[in-house]
PDB file of N, CA and C in Angstrom:
ATOM      1  N   UNK A   1       0.825  -1.199   0.000  1.00  0.00           N
ATOM      2  CA  UNK A   1       0.000   0.000   0.000  1.00  0.00           C
ATOM      3  C   UNK A   1       0.868   1.261   0.000  1.00  0.00           C
ATOM      4  N   UNK A   2       1.983   1.195   0.719  1.00  0.00           N
ATOM      5  CA  UNK A   2       2.882   2.347   0.778  1.00  0.00           C
ATOM      6  C   UNK A   2       3.440   2.680  -0.609  1.00  0.00           C
ATOM      7  N   UNK A   3       3.709   1.655  -1.395  1.00  0.00           N
ATOM      8  CA  UNK A   3       4.251   1.856  -2.745  1.00  0.00           C
ATOM      9  C   UNK A   3       3.241   2.601  -3.627  1.00  0.00           C
ATOM     10  N   UNK A   4       1.959   2.260  -3.522  1.00  0.00           N
ATOM     11  CA  UNK A   4       0.929   2.922  -4.324  1.00  0.00           C
ATOM     12  C   UNK A   4       0.756   4.377  -3.900  1.00  0.00           C
ATOM     13  N   UNK A   5       0.823   4.626  -2.597  1.00  0.00           N
ATOM     14  CA  UNK A   5       0.697   5.989  -2.105  1.00  0.00           C
ATOM     15  C   UNK A   5       1.851   6.841  -2.616  1.00  0.00           C
ATOM     16  N   UNK A   6       3.052   6.271  -2.620  1.00  0.00           N
ATOM     17  CA  UNK A   6       4.231   6.984  -3.108  1.00  0.00           C
ATOM     18  C   UNK A   6       4.084   7.316  -4.589  1.00  0.00           C
ATOM     19  N   UNK A   7       3.563   6.410  -5.378  1.00  0.00           N
ATOM     20  CA  UNK A   7       3.345   6.655  -6.806  1.00  0.00           C
ATOM     21  C   UNK A   7       2.285   7.719  -7.031  1.00  0.00           C
ATOM     22  N   UNK A   8       1.211   7.674  -6.266  1.00  0.00           N
ATOM     23  CA  UNK A   8       0.151   8.676  -6.395  1.00  0.00           C
ATOM     24  C   UNK A   8       0.683  10.060  -6.038  1.00  0.00           C
ATOM     25  N   UNK A   9       1.465  10.143  -4.990  1.00  0.00           N
ATOM     26  CA  UNK A   9       2.054  11.420  -4.596  1.00  0.00           C
ATOM     27  C   UNK A   9       2.985  11.944  -5.697  1.00  0.00           C
ATOM     28  N   UNK A  10       3.726  11.049  -6.315  1.00  0.00           N
ATOM     29  CA  UNK A  10       4.624  11.423  -7.411  1.00  0.00           C
ATOM     30  C   UNK A  10       3.829  12.016  -8.573  1.00  0.00           C
ATOM     31  N   UNK A  11       2.710  11.408  -8.916  1.00  0.00           N
ATOM     32  CA  UNK A  11       1.870  11.894 -10.016  1.00  0.00           C
ATOM     33  C   UNK A  11       1.311  13.276  -9.705  1.00  0.00           C
ATOM     34  N   UNK A  12       0.866  13.468  -8.479  1.00  0.00           N
ATOM     35  CA  UNK A  12       0.266  14.748  -8.087  1.00  0.00           C
ATOM     36  C   UNK A  12       1.290  15.877  -8.121  1.00  0.00           C
ATOM     37  N   UNK A  13       2.517  15.584  -7.739  1.00  0.00           N
ATOM     38  CA  UNK A  13       3.545  16.618  -7.638  1.00  0.00           C
ATOM     39  C   UNK A  13       4.491  16.654  -8.839  1.00  0.00           C
ATOM     40  N   UNK A  14       4.065  16.152  -9.972  1.00  0.00           N
ATOM     41  CA  UNK A  14       4.942  16.067 -11.137  1.00  0.00           C
ATOM     42  C   UNK A  14       5.402  17.441 -11.621  1.00  0.00           C
ATOM     43  N   UNK A  15       4.619  18.474 -11.439  1.00  0.00           N
ATOM     44  CA  UNK A  15       5.011  19.805 -11.917  1.00  0.00           C
ATOM     45  C   UNK A  15       6.173  20.378 -11.127  1.00  0.00           C
ATOM     46  N   UNK A  16       6.371  19.935  -9.904  1.00  0.00           N
ATOM     47  CA  UNK A  16       7.493  20.448  -9.116  1.00  0.00           C
ATOM     48  C   UNK A  16       8.824  19.879  -9.620  1.00  0.00           C
ATOM     49  N   UNK A  17       8.770  18.907 -10.518  1.00  0.00           N
ATOM     50  CA  UNK A  17       9.983  18.313 -11.052  1.00  0.00           C
ATOM     51  C   UNK A  17      10.572  19.123 -12.209  1.00  0.00           C
ATOM     52  N   UNK A  18       9.862  20.114 -12.686  1.00  0.00           N
ATOM     53  CA  UNK A  18      10.387  20.929 -13.785  1.00  0.00           C
ATOM     54  C   UNK A  18      11.689  21.643 -13.412  1.00  0.00           C
ATOM     55  N   UNK A  19      11.765  22.316 -12.258  1.00  0.00           N
ATOM     56  CA  UNK A  19      13.055  22.911 -11.885  1.00  0.00           C
ATOM     57  C   UNK A  19      14.141  21.848 -11.676  1.00  0.00           C
ATOM     58  N   UNK A  20      13.755  20.710 -11.129  1.00  0.00           N
ATOM     59  CA  UNK A  20      14.701  19.610 -10.951  1.00  0.00           C
ATOM     60  C   UNK A  20      15.241  19.137 -12.297  1.00  0.00           C
ATOM     61  N   UNK A  21      14.362  18.958 -13.279  1.00  0.00           N
ATOM     62  CA  UNK A  21      14.779  18.508 -14.598  1.00  0.00           C
ATOM     63  C   UNK A  21      15.706  19.521 -15.262  1.00  0.00           C
ATOM     64  N   UNK A  22      15.368  20.792 -15.123  1.00  0.00           N
ATOM     65  CA  UNK A  22      16.221  21.829 -15.700  1.00  0.00           C
ATOM     66  C   UNK A  22      17.624  21.757 -15.096  1.00  0.00           C
ATOM     67  N   UNK A  23      17.681  21.684 -13.778  1.00  0.00           N
ATOM     68  CA  UNK A  23      18.978  21.634 -13.121  1.00  0.00           C
ATOM     69  C   UNK A  23      19.718  20.333 -13.428  1.00  0.00           C
ATOM     70  N   UNK A  24      18.998  19.239 -13.598  1.00  0.00           N
ATOM     71  CA  UNK A  24      19.612  17.961 -13.967  1.00  0.00           C
ATOM     72  C   UNK A  24      20.366  18.105 -15.286  1.00  0.00           C
ATOM     73  N   UNK A  25      19.757  18.766 -16.258  1.00  0.00           N
ATOM     74  CA  UNK A  25      20.365  18.871 -17.580  1.00  0.00           C
ATOM     75  C   UNK A  25      21.442  19.955 -17.683  1.00  0.00           C
ATOM     76  N   UNK A  26      21.463  20.932 -16.779  1.00  0.00           N
ATOM     77  CA  UNK A  26      22.505  21.958 -16.835  1.00  0.00           C
ATOM     78  C   UNK A  26      23.611  21.733 -15.809  1.00  0.00           C
ATOM     79  N   UNK A  27      23.402  20.817 -14.887  1.00  0.00           N
ATOM     80  CA  UNK A  27      24.373  20.567 -13.827  1.00  0.00           C
ATOM     81  C   UNK A  27      25.652  19.928 -14.365  1.00  0.00           C
ATOM     82  N   UNK A  28      26.762  20.370 -13.809  1.00  0.00           N
ATOM     83  CA  UNK A  28      28.052  19.775 -14.168  1.00  0.00           C
ATOM     84  C   UNK A  28      28.306  18.499 -13.372  1.00  0.00           C
ATOM     85  N   UNK A  29      27.493  18.255 -12.338  1.00  0.00           N
ATOM     86  CA  UNK A  29      27.635  17.038 -11.524  1.00  0.00           C
ATOM     87  C   UNK A  29      27.113  15.803 -12.253  1.00  0.00           C
ATOM     88  N   UNK A  30      26.179  16.012 -13.162  1.00  0.00           N
ATOM     89  CA  UNK A  30      25.578  14.896 -13.890  1.00  0.00           C
ATOM     90  C   UNK A  30      26.434  14.590 -15.113  1.00  0.00           C
ATOM     91  N   UNK A  31      26.910  13.346 -15.219  1.00  0.00           N
ATOM     92  CA  UNK A  31      27.731  12.994 -16.389  1.00  0.00           C
ATOM     93  C   UNK A  31      26.944  13.120 -17.698  1.00  0.00           C
ATOM     94  N   UNK A  32      27.663  13.454 -18.753  1.00  0.00           N
ATOM     95  CA  UNK A  32      27.041  13.663 -20.060  1.00  0.00           C
ATOM     96  C   UNK A  32      26.298  12.406 -20.536  1.00  0.00           C
ATOM     97  N   UNK A  33      26.818  11.229 -20.253  1.00  0.00           N
ATOM     98  CA  UNK A  33      26.165   9.998 -20.713  1.00  0.00           C
ATOM     99  C   UNK A  33      24.792   9.818 -20.070  1.00  0.00           C
ATOM    100  N   UNK A  34      24.642  10.244 -18.823  1.00  0.00           N
ATOM    101  CA  UNK A  34      23.331  10.159 -18.167  1.00  0.00           C
ATOM    102  C   UNK A  34      22.338  11.145 -18.793  1.00  0.00           C
ATOM    103  N   UNK A  35      22.848  12.307 -19.138  1.00  0.00           N
ATOM    104  CA  UNK A  35      21.991  13.292 -19.803  1.00  0.00           C
ATOM    105  C   UNK A  35      21.557  12.784 -21.170  1.00  0.00           C
ATOM    106  N   UNK A  36      22.498  12.230 -21.917  1.00  0.00           N
ATOM    107  CA  UNK A  36      22.175  11.698 -23.247  1.00  0.00           C
ATOM    108  C   UNK A  36      21.212  10.521 -23.164  1.00  0.00           C
ATOM    109  N   UNK A  37      21.402   9.668 -22.174  1.00  0.00           N
ATOM    110  CA  UNK A  37      20.492   8.542 -21.980  1.00  0.00           C
ATOM    111  C   UNK A  37      19.076   9.032 -21.679  1.00  0.00           C
ATOM    112  N   UNK A  38      18.976  10.055 -20.836  1.00  0.00           N
ATOM    113  CA  UNK A  38      17.662  10.620 -20.494  1.00  0.00           C
ATOM    114  C   UNK A  38      16.983  11.225 -21.711  1.00  0.00           C
ATOM    115  N   UNK A  39      17.746  11.972 -22.486  1.00  0.00           N
ATOM    116  CA  UNK A  39      17.191  12.569 -23.710  1.00  0.00           C
ATOM    117  C   UNK A  39      16.784  11.465 -24.676  1.00  0.00           C
ATOM    118  N   UNK A  40      17.610  10.413 -24.758  1.00  0.00           N
ATOM    119  CA  UNK A  40      17.278   9.281 -25.626  1.00  0.00           C
ATOM    120  C   UNK A  40      15.973   8.619 -25.221  1.00  0.00           C
ATOM    121  N   UNK A  41      15.765   8.446 -23.915  1.00  0.00           N
ATOM    122  CA  UNK A  41      14.503   7.865 -23.442  1.00  0.00           C
ATOM    123  C   UNK A  41      13.318   8.744 -23.827  1.00  0.00           C
ATOM    124  N   UNK A  42      13.469  10.045 -23.634  1.00  0.00           N
ATOM    125  CA  UNK A  42      12.382  10.962 -23.975  1.00  0.00           C
ATOM    126  C   UNK A  42      12.096  10.967 -25.475  1.00  0.00           C
ATOM    127  N   UNK A  43      13.150  10.970 -26.275  1.00  0.00           N
ATOM    128  CA  UNK A  43      12.953  10.952 -27.729  1.00  0.00           C
ATOM    129  C   UNK A  43      12.344   9.628 -28.193  1.00  0.00           C
ATOM    130  N   UNK A  44      12.766   8.548 -27.588  1.00  0.00           N
ATOM    131  CA  UNK A  44      12.199   7.246 -27.926  1.00  0.00           C
ATOM    132  C   UNK A  44      10.709   7.204 -27.588  1.00  0.00           C
ATOM    133  N   UNK A  45      10.367   7.776 -26.456  1.00  0.00           N
ATOM    134  CA  UNK A  45       8.962   7.838 -26.041  1.00  0.00           C
ATOM    135  C   UNK A  45       8.133   8.651 -27.038  1.00  0.00           C
ATOM    136  N   UNK A  46       8.700   9.757 -27.507  1.00  0.00           N
ATOM    137  CA  UNK A  46       7.979  10.615 -28.455  1.00  0.00           C
ATOM    138  C   UNK A  46       7.919   9.981 -29.847  1.00  0.00           C
ATOM    139  N   UNK A  47       9.018   9.355 -30.251  1.00  0.00           N
ATOM    140  CA  UNK A  47       9.124   8.837 -31.623  1.00  0.00           C
ATOM    141  C   UNK A  47       8.327   7.561 -31.854  1.00  0.00           C
ATOM    142  N   UNK A  48       8.226   6.713 -30.856  1.00  0.00           N
ATOM    143  CA  UNK A  48       7.528   5.442 -31.058  1.00  0.00           C
ATOM    144  C   UNK A  48       6.030   5.605 -30.833  1.00  0.00           C
ATOM    145  N   UNK A  49       5.242   5.310 -31.817  1.00  0.00           N
ATOM    146  CA  UNK A  49       3.795   5.460 -31.669  1.00  0.00           C
ATOM    147  C   UNK A  49       3.117   4.234 -31.046  1.00  0.00           C
ATOM    148  N   UNK A  50       3.902   3.373 -30.400  1.00  0.00           N
ATOM    149  CA  UNK A  50       3.322   2.162 -29.824  1.00  0.00           C
ATOM    150  C   UNK A  50       2.590   2.474 -28.527  1.00  0.00           C
ATOM    151  N   UNK A  51       1.399   1.960 -28.404  1.00  0.00           N
ATOM    152  CA  UNK A  51       0.600   2.131 -27.201  1.00  0.00           C
ATOM    153  C   UNK A  51       0.077   0.779 -26.764  1.00  0.00           C
ATOM    154  N   UNK A  52       0.058   0.559 -25.463  1.00  0.00           N
ATOM    155  CA  UNK A  52      -0.579  -0.641 -24.951  1.00  0.00           C
ATOM    156  C   UNK A  52      -2.091  -0.516 -25.061  1.00  0.00           C
ATOM    157  N   UNK A  53      -2.560   0.696 -24.796  1.00  0.00           N
ATOM    158  CA  UNK A  53      -3.990   0.997 -24.901  1.00  0.00           C
ATOM    159  C   UNK A  53      -4.125   2.107 -25.937  1.00  0.00           C
ATOM    160  N   UNK A  54      -4.896   1.911 -27.002  1.00  0.00           N
ATOM    161  CA  UNK A  54      -5.029   2.943 -28.044  1.00  0.00           C
ATOM    162  C   UNK A  54      -5.555   4.266 -27.480  1.00  0.00           C
ATOM    163  N   UNK A  55      -5.050   5.372 -28.019  1.00  0.00           N
ATOM    164  CA  UNK A  55      -5.441   6.697 -27.535  1.00  0.00           C
ATOM    165  C   UNK A  55      -6.895   7.031 -27.822  1.00  0.00           C
ATOM    166  N   UNK A  56      -7.508   6.370 -28.782  1.00  0.00           N
ATOM    167  CA  UNK A  56      -8.901   6.681 -29.089  1.00  0.00           C
ATOM    168  C   UNK A  56      -9.853   6.199 -27.990  1.00  0.00           C
ATOM    169  N   UNK A  57      -9.338   5.489 -26.995  1.00  0.00           N
ATOM    170  CA  UNK A  57     -10.171   5.080 -25.862  1.00  0.00           C
ATOM    171  C   UNK A  57     -10.210   6.156 -24.777  1.00  0.00           C
ATOM    172  N   UNK A  58     -10.020   7.388 -25.175  1.00  0.00           N
ATOM    173  CA  UNK A  58     -10.098   8.576 -24.315  1.00  0.00           C
ATOM    174  C   UNK A  58      -9.203   8.447 -23.090  1.00  0.00           C
ATOM    175  N   UNK A  59      -9.768   8.480 -21.929  1.00  0.00           N
ATOM    176  CA  UNK A  59      -8.998   8.487 -20.676  1.00  0.00           C
ATOM    177  C   UNK A  59      -8.115   7.254 -20.555  1.00  0.00           C
ATOM    178  N   UNK A  60      -8.627   6.093 -20.931  1.00  0.00           N
ATOM    179  CA  UNK A  60      -7.851   4.864 -20.790  1.00  0.00           C
ATOM    180  C   UNK A  60      -6.629   4.852 -21.702  1.00  0.00           C
ATOM    181  N   UNK A  61      -6.740   5.485 -22.833  1.00  0.00           N
ATOM    182  CA  UNK A  61      -5.623   5.543 -23.771  1.00  0.00           C
ATOM    183  C   UNK A  61      -4.488   6.437 -23.297  1.00  0.00           C
ATOM    184  N   UNK A  62      -4.812   7.373 -22.424  1.00  0.00           N
ATOM    185  CA  UNK A  62      -3.781   8.262 -21.898  1.00  0.00           C
ATOM    186  C   UNK A  62      -3.044   7.658 -20.706  1.00  0.00           C
ATOM    187  N   UNK A  63      -3.636   6.652 -20.098  1.00  0.00           N
ATOM    188  CA  UNK A  63      -3.027   6.045 -18.910  1.00  0.00           C
ATOM    189  C   UNK A  63      -1.672   5.433 -19.229  1.00  0.00           C
ATOM    190  N   UNK A  64      -1.551   4.711 -20.338  1.00  0.00           N
ATOM    191  CA  UNK A  64      -0.253   4.106 -20.648  1.00  0.00           C
ATOM    192  C   UNK A  64       0.783   5.166 -21.008  1.00  0.00           C
ATOM    193  N   UNK A  65       0.347   6.259 -21.646  1.00  0.00           N
ATOM    194  CA  UNK A  65       1.278   7.348 -21.935  1.00  0.00           C
ATOM    195  C   UNK A  65       1.789   7.980 -20.637  1.00  0.00           C
ATOM    196  N   UNK A  66       0.901   8.183 -19.701  1.00  0.00           N
ATOM    197  CA  UNK A  66       1.273   8.736 -18.408  1.00  0.00           C
ATOM    198  C   UNK A  66       2.222   7.790 -17.670  1.00  0.00           C
ATOM    199  N   UNK A  67       1.961   6.502 -17.740  1.00  0.00           N
ATOM    200  CA  UNK A  67       2.815   5.516 -17.072  1.00  0.00           C
ATOM    201  C   UNK A  67       4.227   5.539 -17.644  1.00  0.00           C
ATOM    202  N   UNK A  68       4.359   5.620 -18.950  1.00  0.00           N
ATOM    203  CA  UNK A  68       5.685   5.672 -19.583  1.00  0.00           C
ATOM    204  C   UNK A  68       6.401   6.968 -19.206  1.00  0.00           C
ATOM    205  N   UNK A  69       5.693   8.073 -19.227  1.00  0.00           N
ATOM    206  CA  UNK A  69       6.286   9.360 -18.865  1.00  0.00           C
ATOM    207  C   UNK A  69       6.774   9.349 -17.418  1.00  0.00           C
ATOM    208  N   UNK A  70       5.979   8.807 -16.522  1.00  0.00           N
ATOM    209  CA  UNK A  70       6.378   8.736 -15.111  1.00  0.00           C
ATOM    210  C   UNK A  70       7.557   7.796 -14.914  1.00  0.00           C
ATOM    211  N   UNK A  71       7.597   6.715 -15.684  1.00  0.00           N
ATOM    212  CA  UNK A  71       8.728   5.799 -15.613  1.00  0.00           C
ATOM    213  C   UNK A  71      10.020   6.511 -16.011  1.00  0.00           C
ATOM    214  N   UNK A  72       9.963   7.301 -17.071  1.00  0.00           N
ATOM    215  CA  UNK A  72      11.141   8.040 -17.517  1.00  0.00           C
ATOM    216  C   UNK A  72      11.578   9.054 -16.455  1.00  0.00           C
ATOM    217  N   UNK A  73      10.615   9.746 -15.845  1.00  0.00           N
ATOM    218  CA  UNK A  73      10.952  10.689 -14.776  1.00  0.00           C
ATOM    219  C   UNK A  73      11.610   9.984 -13.594  1.00  0.00           C
ATOM    220  N   UNK A  74      11.100   8.810 -13.248  1.00  0.00           N
ATOM    221  CA  UNK A  74      11.694   8.059 -12.139  1.00  0.00           C
ATOM    222  C   UNK A  74      13.114   7.622 -12.465  1.00  0.00           C
ATOM    223  N   UNK A  75      13.367   7.247 -13.696  1.00  0.00           N
ATOM    224  CA  UNK A  75      14.717   6.851 -14.081  1.00  0.00           C
ATOM    225  C   UNK A  75      15.671   8.038 -14.013  1.00  0.00           C
ATOM    226  N   UNK A  76      15.208   9.201 -14.426  1.00  0.00           N
ATOM    227  CA  UNK A  76      16.029  10.404 -14.338  1.00  0.00           C
ATOM    228  C   UNK A  76      16.331  10.722 -12.882  1.00  0.00           C
ATOM    229  N   UNK A  77      15.343  10.587 -12.016  1.00  0.00           N
ATOM    230  CA  UNK A  77      15.560  10.834 -10.593  1.00  0.00           C
ATOM    231  C   UNK A  77      16.593   9.875 -10.016  1.00  0.00           C
ATOM    232  N   UNK A  78      16.558   8.618 -10.439  1.00  0.00           N
ATOM    233  CA  UNK A  78      17.524   7.643  -9.935  1.00  0.00           C
ATOM    234  C   UNK A  78      18.939   7.968 -10.390  1.00  0.00           C
ATOM    235  N   UNK A  79      19.089   8.572 -11.558  1.00  0.00           N
ATOM    236  CA  UNK A  79      20.408   8.897 -12.099  1.00  0.00           C
ATOM    237  C   UNK A  79      20.975  10.200 -11.531  1.00  0.00           C
ATOM    238  N   UNK A  80      20.145  10.993 -10.892  1.00  0.00           N
ATOM    239  CA  UNK A  80      20.582  12.294 -10.383  1.00  0.00           C
ATOM    240  C   UNK A  80      21.548  12.116  -9.214  1.00  0.00           C
ATOM    241  N   UNK A  81      22.497  13.035  -9.081  1.00  0.00           N
ATOM    242  CA  UNK A  81      23.411  12.973  -7.931  1.00  0.00           C
ATOM    243  C   UNK A  81      22.659  13.232  -6.628  1.00  0.00           C
ATOM    244  N   UNK A  82      23.217  12.751  -5.552  1.00  0.00           N
ATOM    245  CA  UNK A  82      22.574  12.861  -4.240  1.00  0.00           C
ATOM    246  C   UNK A  82      22.342  14.324  -3.855  1.00  0.00           C
ATOM    247  N   UNK A  83      23.277  15.184  -4.176  1.00  0.00           N
ATOM    248  CA  UNK A  83      23.125  16.596  -3.820  1.00  0.00           C
ATOM    249  C   UNK A  83      21.903  17.211  -4.493  1.00  0.00           C
ATOM    250  N   UNK A  84      21.639  16.839  -5.711  1.00  0.00           N
ATOM    251  CA  UNK A  84      20.477  17.342  -6.436  1.00  0.00           C
ATOM    252  C   UNK A  84      19.183  16.771  -5.843  1.00  0.00           C
ATOM    253  N   UNK A  85      19.216  15.497  -5.485  1.00  0.00           N
ATOM    254  CA  UNK A  85      18.044  14.874  -4.854  1.00  0.00           C
ATOM    255  C   UNK A  85      17.728  15.546  -3.518  1.00  0.00           C
ATOM    256  N   UNK A  86      18.762  15.819  -2.751  1.00  0.00           N
ATOM    257  CA  UNK A  86      18.552  16.453  -1.441  1.00  0.00           C
ATOM    258  C   UNK A  86      18.016  17.876  -1.599  1.00  0.00           C
ATOM    259  N   UNK A  87      18.507  18.585  -2.594  1.00  0.00           N
ATOM    260  CA  UNK A  87      18.047  19.954  -2.821  1.00  0.00           C
ATOM    261  C   UNK A  87      16.549  20.018  -3.096  1.00  0.00           C
ATOM    262  N   UNK A  88      16.026  19.024  -3.828  1.00  0.00           N
ATOM    263  CA  UNK A  88      14.615  19.008  -4.188  1.00  0.00           C
ATOM    264  C   UNK A  88      13.807  18.013  -3.368  1.00  0.00           C
ATOM    265  N   UNK A  89      14.368  17.503  -2.287  1.00  0.00           N
ATOM    266  CA  UNK A  89      13.688  16.555  -1.379  1.00  0.00           C
ATOM    267  C   UNK A  89      13.105  15.364  -2.110  1.00  0.00           C
ATOM    268  N   UNK A  90      13.895  14.729  -2.951  1.00  0.00           N
ATOM    269  CA  UNK A  90      13.440  13.575  -3.707  1.00  0.00           C
ATOM    270  C   UNK A  90      13.962  12.302  -3.103  1.00  0.00           C
TER     271      UNK A  90
END
C-alpha cells in the first residue's frame, strides 16, 4: 500500500519536477552519458507510436502514456546525484 501511495504522490507533484529537470540537464555534476540517456529515453517515447492501450479510448488511452512518462521521470531521478536529490527533497 505504501508503494501505491508513493506513486500517487509522485503523479500529483509532477510539476514540481520541472526545476529539478532543468537543473539535472545543466548541472556539471551529472555525467554527459546520463543526460544523453535521459534525452534518448524521452525521444524514444515521443518517436515510437506504440501504445498498450489505443489513444482513441479517451482516458484509458492516456493512462499508458502517463505511465511511460512517469517511468522516464523516475529513471532520471535515480540517475541524479545525491546533492540534487537532497536539494529538491526527492
